[in-house]
Each structure stands twice: as C-alpha cells, then as structure tokens.
C-alpha cells in the first residue's frame, strides 16, 4: 500500500519580485489573481504575462459558473503555465485551467471528460489555511446541485508551490483567522483519518503544534501578533496540506459543504462551526483509537486534561473567530433534513475518511444541535 506522496516542489521567497525573477515570468504565463494583489505586488514589475482578476467574474468562493466565465476569456490564449496567486478561490479555480480541452467546469467535476494535464501549474498561497498548493483537490460550488463538491485527481497537483510571507501582510484578521483555523482542522482531521500513516501524522502533528502555538500567543497578545509569525503560519498550513493530501479530511468538511453552498459561508468559517462538535461525537462513539493520541497531544499543547481539550480549544479559537448558531447564517429548520440528505448523497468521498463511521442520525443530530 502507498504510505505517502508529495508531487510538488516547494520554494520560499521573501518577496514576489524575487519569485518573478527566479521563475522568469513570461508571455506564455497565465496569472490568475486578484486586483488588490496585482496592484500591490505585480503592477510595478511590468510583467508580460496574461493576467486574470478573478473578481471580474463573480464575487465569493469558486463556482462552476465563475470558472466557465473565465474559460470563455482564456480559451483563445496561448499559455503554457498557470500561476495562481491568491487564496482558496483563486487556487481552486486555477487548477482547472491546466486540463486539456476543458470548456465546462461541471464536466470536469463530474468526470464527463478525460482528465489530462497539459500545462504547468505554480501555486502561491496568499492565505494561510487551504494547503491547496500541495493537494490534488479543487472544490467548487456546483450551483445546479446546490452544494459544494470536491474534485480530486493527480492531474491537479501543482508542479511548484511557492511560499512568500509578504503576501499575507494585507490579509484582514477575520480572513486570517478563518483560514488559519481551517489549516488546524485539516491537520486534526487527517491525523485521525483511517488513511493516516506514520508519515502523514508527522506533518499533522507539526501543523497542530505550530498553529496552536501561534493561536495561544494571539489570544494572549492580540491580533497583531500574527505579523510576527506569518512565515510560521504559512508553513503550518503547508504541513497540514501535505497531511490531508495523503490522509484526507472527513465529517467536518462534509457537513460544512451544504452550509457553504446554500448560504455562501466562507469555507474556513463553515468548517469551524462543525469542528469540535464532530470530534466530541467521535469521542463518544469510539474513545479508543487515534483520537486518544490526538487528545493527549492537544492536552499537552493546551496545558489541560484530555477530558477538557475541546472546551479549551473552543476558548482559544473564540478569541480569533466567534461561533454562532447555524440559523444566523440563514439556515432554516427544514434544512436540517435537507442538508443531512445532501451530505449522505454527495459527500461519501469525505465520509470515508471519518475517524469512525457516522450513521445518518449522527449527521442529523449535529445539524440539529448546531442549528
């Protein structure tokens, strides 16, 4: 059995300018980014690339409609490399543009076309949570199906992932928090996944330890402390991406997708709403297993007992981003059953990574309790 893989080469630069010179950005590059990042870090360099500003094609997180609008504008271009400079939206969108003969994103997500990579992919994350620069997964809202769906294929691996801490300088604290907490969730979910190996768990543990050290200091010293640790948080996110790229994530992500798809809750924030509740259910259903080692690790880091780790974790994360009842996002009581069915019918790829299997009633109860 395969224990571990990392298909992507990793680089680090202090500035975007250093990256642009080292990678010899040229006319045959398609750069997908945001206007603010372009204006701050790229405009003055007068690069000869083709630039796409993702906001022009629709606000919010990636969707099949947004990807298809961009495809219309770039299909006539002759480009050999795709360079994604942005957060989860930009990265998930960009991965589709390396595929041969793609004209409709939904066809790729539903595998109605051959999945063949015919362009290079370079990913530069500008948030500190997705870890998507080292995974083979793209996630988008399929509006016709009213949910988010993950599309996993080795053709989506980046050839190169580049960490540039200066690109996080302008990230507002709320978005920093949501993405950083998402990185922690990736690390924790992958640690207890049945697909975890000693190799993936090394990365999970390092990501958990590093990110929680940063979070504890933010809780104590205030939100500006994050600027002292931008490089560390990028590395923690990258570690977590390597871990979940090998071991997968489970019910936290699976349950968050209907909420995000129906009510446009940002990905990291949606995951956060379900995080500790899912793990408390895991603990109740199967207290002996990988979760035992996880709880011991968390107890050591958080300086508490193993029986109190999730309460202590909630208290620290609350200093960064508040939880709220799902109904405050617009969720209706009828959605409890609708979302449960949606998870069962569309998220089996993720539910297969659960620490312990969830019955339909387990999923419904979590939605009902958090509603």
Protein backbone atom coordinates (compact mmCIF):
# COMPACT_ATOMS: atom_id res chain seq x y z
CA UNK A 1 0.00 0.00 0.00
CA UNK A 2 1.10 3.56 -0.68
CA UNK A 3 2.04 5.35 2.53
CA UNK A 4 2.90 8.84 1.38
CA UNK A 5 3.31 11.09 -1.67
CA UNK A 6 4.39 14.64 -2.37
CA UNK A 7 4.32 15.51 -6.06
CA UNK A 8 5.03 19.23 -5.71
CA UNK A 9 8.37 21.02 -5.35
CA UNK A 10 8.43 23.62 -2.57
CA UNK A 11 10.04 27.07 -2.75
CA UNK A 12 10.22 30.09 -0.48
CA UNK A 13 11.00 33.71 -1.29
CA UNK A 14 10.86 36.87 0.78
CA UNK A 15 9.16 38.92 -1.96
CA UNK A 16 7.09 38.40 -5.08
CA UNK A 17 9.75 40.24 -7.06
CA UNK A 18 12.32 37.58 -6.13
CA UNK A 19 9.93 34.86 -7.29
CA UNK A 20 9.18 36.60 -10.59
CA UNK A 21 12.87 36.83 -11.44
CA UNK A 22 13.73 33.29 -10.38
CA UNK A 23 10.81 31.79 -12.32
CA UNK A 24 11.32 34.07 -15.35
CA UNK A 25 7.66 35.10 -15.71
CA UNK A 26 6.91 35.46 -19.42
CA UNK A 27 4.33 35.94 -22.19
CA UNK A 28 3.26 32.30 -22.08
CA UNK A 29 2.16 32.55 -18.42
CA UNK A 30 -1.47 32.89 -17.37
CA UNK A 31 -1.62 34.53 -13.93
CA UNK A 32 -4.89 34.23 -12.01
CA UNK A 33 -5.02 36.58 -9.04
CA UNK A 34 -6.96 39.49 -7.50
CA UNK A 35 -6.81 43.16 -8.41
CA UNK A 36 -5.53 44.15 -4.97
CA UNK A 37 -2.65 41.67 -5.13
CA UNK A 38 -1.85 42.70 -8.70
CA UNK A 39 -1.81 46.39 -7.80
CA UNK A 40 0.32 45.88 -4.69
CA UNK A 41 2.86 43.31 -5.82
CA UNK A 42 2.81 42.92 -9.62
CA UNK A 43 1.81 46.06 -11.50
CA UNK A 44 5.13 47.85 -10.89
CA UNK A 45 7.10 44.87 -12.25
CA UNK A 46 5.63 45.32 -15.77
CA UNK A 47 5.44 41.59 -16.32
CA UNK A 48 4.50 40.42 -19.85
CA UNK A 49 2.06 37.72 -18.66
CA UNK A 50 -1.67 37.33 -19.27
CA UNK A 51 -3.46 38.44 -16.08
CA UNK A 52 -6.93 37.41 -14.95
CA UNK A 53 -8.51 39.21 -11.98
CA UNK A 54 -10.91 36.66 -10.54
CA UNK A 55 -13.32 39.23 -9.01
CA UNK A 56 -14.32 40.34 -12.51
CA UNK A 57 -16.08 37.02 -12.96
CA UNK A 58 -18.12 37.00 -9.77
CA UNK A 59 -17.78 37.56 -6.04
CA UNK A 60 -17.35 34.91 -3.41
CA UNK A 61 -15.96 31.42 -3.49
CA UNK A 62 -15.36 29.32 -6.63
CA UNK A 63 -18.33 28.05 -8.60
CA UNK A 64 -18.82 26.24 -11.89
CA UNK A 65 -20.38 29.42 -13.31
CA UNK A 66 -17.37 31.56 -12.38
CA UNK A 67 -14.87 29.08 -13.83
CA UNK A 68 -16.85 28.86 -17.05
CA UNK A 69 -16.89 32.66 -17.46
CA UNK A 70 -13.10 32.73 -17.16
CA UNK A 71 -12.76 29.83 -19.61
CA UNK A 72 -14.56 31.85 -22.26
CA UNK A 73 -11.98 34.63 -21.94
CA UNK A 74 -8.84 32.49 -21.87
CA UNK A 75 -9.53 29.68 -24.30
CA UNK A 76 -8.14 31.75 -27.19
CA UNK A 77 -4.89 32.48 -25.32
CA UNK A 78 -1.68 30.55 -25.90
CA UNK A 79 -0.35 29.85 -22.42
CA UNK A 80 1.90 27.09 -21.09
CA UNK A 81 1.99 27.83 -17.35
CA UNK A 82 -0.81 28.70 -14.96
CA UNK A 83 0.34 30.76 -11.98
CA UNK A 84 -2.19 31.06 -9.16
CA UNK A 85 -1.55 33.92 -6.74
CA UNK A 86 -4.32 34.08 -4.16
CA UNK A 87 -6.41 32.31 -1.56
CA UNK A 88 -8.58 29.23 -1.84
CA UNK A 89 -10.85 30.67 -4.52
CA UNK A 90 -8.00 31.54 -6.88
CA UNK A 91 -6.22 28.24 -6.27
CA UNK A 92 -9.28 26.05 -6.76
CA UNK A 93 -10.21 27.92 -9.94
CA UNK A 94 -6.68 27.82 -11.33
CA UNK A 95 -6.31 24.06 -11.03
CA UNK A 96 -8.98 23.56 -13.68
CA UNK A 97 -7.05 25.59 -16.24
CA UNK A 98 -4.25 23.05 -16.58
CA UNK A 99 -6.63 20.47 -18.05
CA UNK A 100 -6.68 19.64 -21.73
CA UNK A 101 -9.80 20.56 -23.76
CA UNK A 102 -11.84 21.81 -20.82
CA UNK A 103 -14.76 24.03 -21.78
CA UNK A 104 -17.15 23.40 -18.89
CA UNK A 105 -16.15 23.04 -15.24
CA UNK A 106 -19.08 20.81 -14.32
CA UNK A 107 -17.96 18.28 -16.92
CA UNK A 108 -14.61 18.03 -15.14
CA UNK A 109 -16.12 17.75 -11.65
CA UNK A 110 -18.47 15.03 -12.89
CA UNK A 111 -15.65 13.39 -14.92
CA UNK A 112 -17.52 13.60 -18.20
CA UNK A 113 -14.26 14.49 -19.99
CA UNK A 114 -10.82 12.85 -19.94
CA UNK A 115 -8.78 14.38 -17.10
CA UNK A 116 -5.46 15.15 -18.79
CA UNK A 117 -2.97 17.77 -17.60
CA UNK A 118 -1.24 19.63 -20.40
CA UNK A 119 0.05 22.80 -18.69
CA UNK A 120 2.37 23.53 -15.77
CA UNK A 121 0.88 24.78 -12.52
CA UNK A 122 2.55 27.09 -10.00
CA UNK A 123 0.62 27.98 -6.83
CA UNK A 124 1.42 30.86 -4.47
CA UNK A 125 -0.99 30.95 -1.49
CA UNK A 126 -1.89 34.34 -0.03
CA UNK A 127 -3.88 32.99 2.92
CA UNK A 128 -2.65 30.51 5.49
CA UNK A 129 -5.22 27.77 5.54
CA UNK A 130 -6.10 25.87 2.41
CA UNK A 131 -2.89 23.89 1.97
CA UNK A 132 -4.24 23.52 -1.55
CA UNK A 133 -0.84 24.36 -3.03
CA UNK A 134 0.22 20.76 -2.29
CA UNK A 135 -3.05 18.84 -2.78
CA UNK A 136 -4.73 17.35 -5.83
CA UNK A 137 -8.16 18.70 -4.92
CA UNK A 138 -10.30 21.52 -6.28
CA UNK A 139 -13.51 22.48 -4.51
CA UNK A 140 -16.29 24.49 -6.11
CA UNK A 141 -19.96 25.21 -5.72
CA UNK A 142 -21.95 23.42 -8.38
CA UNK A 143 -24.88 25.77 -8.48
CA UNK A 144 -27.15 23.35 -10.31
CA UNK A 145 -26.76 20.91 -7.41
CA UNK A 146 -26.90 23.48 -4.58
CA UNK A 147 -23.79 22.15 -2.88
CA UNK A 148 -20.02 22.24 -2.91
CA UNK A 149 -18.20 19.32 -4.44
CA UNK A 150 -14.61 18.24 -4.31
CA UNK A 151 -12.81 17.06 -7.44
CA UNK A 152 -9.66 15.03 -6.71
CA UNK A 153 -7.22 13.92 -9.37
CA UNK A 154 -3.43 13.80 -9.57
CA UNK A 155 -3.62 16.00 -12.68
CA UNK A 156 -4.43 18.87 -10.30
CA UNK A 157 -1.17 18.71 -8.37
CA UNK A 158 0.93 21.87 -8.67
CA UNK A 159 4.35 21.40 -10.19
CA UNK A 160 5.68 24.10 -7.85
CA UNK A 161 4.34 25.60 -4.62
CA UNK A 162 5.83 28.90 -3.50
CA UNK A 163 5.60 30.42 -0.01
CA UNK A 164 6.00 34.23 0.13
CA UNK A 165 5.16 35.62 3.61
CA UNK A 166 4.90 39.26 2.44
CA UNK A 167 1.74 38.36 0.51
CA UNK A 168 -0.11 37.81 3.81
CA UNK A 169 0.59 41.31 5.13
CA UNK A 170 -2.71 42.79 3.94
CA UNK A 171 -4.94 39.89 4.98
CA UNK A 172 -7.61 41.17 7.42
CA UNK A 173 -7.66 39.42 10.78
CA UNK A 174 -11.07 37.79 10.22
CA UNK A 175 -9.90 36.17 6.98
CA UNK A 176 -6.57 35.25 8.53
CA UNK A 177 -8.40 33.56 11.41
CA UNK A 178 -10.81 31.60 9.23
CA UNK A 179 -8.02 30.32 7.00
CA UNK A 180 -5.63 29.54 9.87
CA UNK A 181 -8.32 27.64 11.78
CA UNK A 182 -9.05 25.74 8.57
CA UNK A 183 -5.39 24.68 8.47
CA UNK A 184 -5.70 23.36 12.02
CA UNK A 185 -8.84 21.44 11.03
CA UNK A 186 -7.00 19.88 8.08
CA UNK A 187 -4.25 18.74 10.43
CA UNK A 188 -6.60 17.36 13.09
CA UNK A 189 -8.96 15.58 10.68
CA UNK A 190 -6.10 13.99 8.75
CA UNK A 191 -4.42 12.85 11.98
CA UNK A 192 -7.35 10.58 12.90
CA UNK A 193 -8.26 9.53 9.35
CA UNK A 194 -8.23 5.77 8.70
CA UNK A 195 -5.95 6.58 5.75
CA UNK A 196 -3.35 8.23 8.02
CA UNK A 197 0.13 6.76 8.13
CA UNK A 198 3.08 7.48 10.44
CA UNK A 199 4.41 9.74 7.66
CA UNK A 200 1.24 11.84 7.23
CA UNK A 201 0.84 12.03 11.01
CA UNK A 202 4.30 13.61 11.34
CA UNK A 203 3.06 16.53 9.25
CA UNK A 204 -0.30 16.62 11.07
CA UNK A 205 1.40 16.82 14.48
CA UNK A 206 3.79 19.58 13.42
CA UNK A 207 0.94 21.57 11.89
CA UNK A 208 -1.15 21.19 15.06
CA UNK A 209 1.71 22.19 17.37
CA UNK A 210 2.85 25.16 15.30
CA UNK A 211 -0.59 26.60 14.60
CA UNK A 212 -1.80 26.24 18.20
CA UNK A 213 1.34 27.92 19.49
CA UNK A 214 0.54 30.88 17.23
CA UNK A 215 -3.14 30.89 18.29
CA UNK A 216 -2.29 30.84 22.00
CA UNK A 217 0.01 33.81 21.54
CA UNK A 218 -2.66 35.70 19.57
CA UNK A 219 -5.16 35.03 22.36
CA UNK A 220 -2.68 36.41 24.90
CA UNK A 221 -1.00 39.24 22.98
CA UNK A 222 -3.65 40.36 20.47
CA UNK A 223 -4.31 40.02 16.76
CA UNK A 224 -1.23 41.96 15.62
CA UNK A 225 0.96 39.15 16.95
CA UNK A 226 0.14 37.28 13.74
CA UNK A 227 2.50 39.54 11.78
CA UNK A 228 5.44 38.14 13.76
CA UNK A 229 4.59 34.60 12.62
CA UNK A 230 3.38 34.87 9.01
CA UNK A 231 6.12 32.57 7.74
CA UNK A 232 5.37 30.04 10.50
CA UNK A 233 1.64 30.04 9.75
CA UNK A 234 2.30 29.51 6.04
CA UNK A 235 4.49 26.54 6.92
CA UNK A 236 1.87 25.13 9.33
CA UNK A 237 -0.75 25.41 6.59
CA UNK A 238 1.60 23.72 4.15
CA UNK A 239 2.31 20.89 6.60
CA UNK A 240 -1.44 20.42 7.07
CA UNK A 241 -1.95 20.39 3.30
CA UNK A 242 0.66 17.67 2.91
CA UNK A 243 -1.04 15.67 5.67
CA UNK A 244 -4.57 15.88 4.35
CA UNK A 245 -3.38 15.45 0.77
CA UNK A 246 -2.28 11.99 1.87
CA UNK A 247 -4.83 11.06 4.54
CA UNK A 248 -7.90 13.12 3.64
CA UNK A 249 -10.39 15.07 5.72
CA UNK A 250 -13.74 13.84 6.96
CA UNK A 251 -17.03 14.80 8.53
CA UNK A 252 -16.13 18.38 9.48
CA UNK A 253 -15.66 19.23 5.82
CA UNK A 254 -18.51 17.01 4.65
CA UNK A 255 -21.06 18.69 6.92
CA UNK A 256 -19.82 22.19 6.12
CA UNK A 257 -20.32 21.95 2.36
CA UNK A 258 -24.15 22.25 2.25
CA UNK A 259 -23.98 25.27 4.58
CA UNK A 260 -21.33 26.91 2.42
CA UNK A 261 -23.12 26.06 -0.81
CA UNK A 262 -26.59 27.18 0.24
CA UNK A 263 -25.69 30.27 2.27
CA UNK A 264 -22.28 31.22 0.86
CA UNK A 265 -20.47 30.87 4.18
CA UNK A 266 -16.70 31.09 3.56
CA UNK A 267 -15.05 27.68 3.58
CA UNK A 268 -12.87 28.04 6.68
CA UNK A 269 -15.61 29.68 8.72
CA UNK A 270 -18.10 26.97 7.75
CA UNK A 271 -15.68 24.22 8.78
CA UNK A 272 -15.07 25.96 12.10
CA UNK A 273 -18.76 25.78 13.02
CA UNK A 274 -18.66 21.97 12.97
CA UNK A 275 -15.11 21.30 14.16
CA UNK A 276 -15.20 20.48 17.86
CA UNK A 277 -18.78 19.16 17.77
CA UNK A 278 -17.80 16.48 15.24
CA UNK A 279 -14.82 15.48 17.37
CA UNK A 280 -16.93 15.27 20.51
CA UNK A 281 -19.21 12.83 18.66
CA UNK A 282 -16.16 10.86 17.51
CA UNK A 283 -15.04 10.69 21.15
CA UNK A 284 -18.45 9.42 22.28
CA UNK A 285 -18.68 6.79 19.55
CA UNK A 286 -15.12 5.44 19.70
CA UNK A 287 -12.99 6.74 22.58
CA UNK A 288 -10.17 4.25 21.95
CA UNK A 289 -8.02 4.74 18.85
CA UNK A 290 -6.15 7.56 17.14
CA UNK A 291 -8.33 10.07 18.94
CA UNK A 292 -6.66 9.03 22.20
CA UNK A 293 -3.25 10.11 20.90
CA UNK A 294 -4.78 13.27 19.43
CA UNK A 295 -6.36 14.22 22.76
CA UNK A 296 -3.07 13.65 24.57
CA UNK A 297 -1.26 15.87 22.06
CA UNK A 298 -3.88 18.62 22.41
CA UNK A 299 -3.82 18.35 26.21
CA UNK A 300 -0.04 18.84 26.29
CA UNK A 301 -0.17 21.84 23.96
CA UNK A 302 -3.16 23.45 25.68
CA UNK A 303 -2.00 22.61 29.22
CA UNK A 304 -5.24 20.92 30.20
CA UNK A 305 -6.68 17.46 30.80
CA UNK A 306 -7.59 15.11 27.95
CA UNK A 307 -11.23 15.32 29.01
CA UNK A 308 -11.24 19.10 28.58
CA UNK A 309 -9.34 19.56 25.32
CA UNK A 310 -12.27 20.54 23.12
CA UNK A 311 -13.61 23.09 25.60
CA UNK A 312 -10.13 24.61 25.91
CA UNK A 313 -9.71 24.56 22.16
CA UNK A 314 -13.04 26.35 21.69
CA UNK A 315 -12.00 29.01 24.22
CA UNK A 316 -8.78 29.79 22.31
CA UNK A 317 -10.38 29.75 18.87
CA UNK A 318 -13.20 32.00 20.13
CA UNK A 319 -10.58 34.73 20.65
CA UNK A 320 -9.90 34.59 16.91
CA UNK A 321 -13.33 33.92 15.40
CA UNK A 322 -16.70 33.61 17.10
CA UNK A 323 -19.00 30.69 16.56
CA UNK A 324 -22.71 31.30 16.10
CA UNK A 325 -25.84 29.18 15.62
CA UNK A 326 -26.26 27.97 12.04
CA UNK A 327 -29.61 29.74 11.79
CA UNK A 328 -27.77 33.07 11.97
CA UNK A 329 -26.27 32.27 8.57
CA UNK A 330 -29.79 31.90 7.17
CA UNK A 331 -30.20 28.16 7.70
CA UNK A 332 -33.82 27.10 8.15
CA UNK A 333 -35.13 24.29 10.34
CA UNK A 334 -36.16 22.34 7.25
CA UNK A 335 -32.53 22.43 6.12
CA UNK A 336 -31.60 20.01 8.91
CA UNK A 337 -33.10 17.13 6.95
CA UNK A 338 -32.19 18.58 3.54
CA UNK A 339 -28.55 19.07 4.49
CA UNK A 340 -28.38 15.60 6.05
CA UNK A 341 -29.57 14.02 2.81
CA UNK A 342 -27.17 16.19 0.83
CA UNK A 343 -24.20 15.01 2.90
CA UNK A 344 -25.21 11.35 2.58
CA UNK A 345 -25.77 11.63 -1.18
CA UNK A 346 -22.83 13.82 -2.25
CA UNK A 347 -20.04 13.60 0.33
CA UNK A 348 -19.20 9.90 0.57
CA UNK A 349 -15.67 10.69 -0.66
CA UNK A 350 -15.12 12.64 2.58
CA UNK A 351 -17.19 10.48 4.92
CA UNK A 352 -14.91 7.57 4.01
CA UNK A 353 -12.17 9.47 5.91
CA UNK A 354 -14.15 9.69 9.16
CA UNK A 355 -12.32 8.57 12.29
CA UNK A 356 -15.35 6.39 12.98
CA UNK A 357 -18.39 5.86 10.73
CA UNK A 358 -21.34 8.22 11.10
CA UNK A 359 -24.88 7.00 10.74
CA UNK A 360 -27.44 9.26 9.10
CA UNK A 361 -28.85 10.06 12.55
CA UNK A 362 -25.41 11.18 13.79
CA UNK A 363 -25.21 13.72 10.97
CA UNK A 364 -28.76 14.92 11.50
CA UNK A 365 -28.20 15.35 15.25
CA UNK A 366 -25.12 17.51 14.66
CA UNK A 367 -27.03 19.79 12.31
CA UNK A 368 -29.93 19.95 14.78
CA UNK A 369 -27.72 20.74 17.81
CA UNK A 370 -25.77 23.45 15.99
CA UNK A 371 -28.89 24.93 14.37
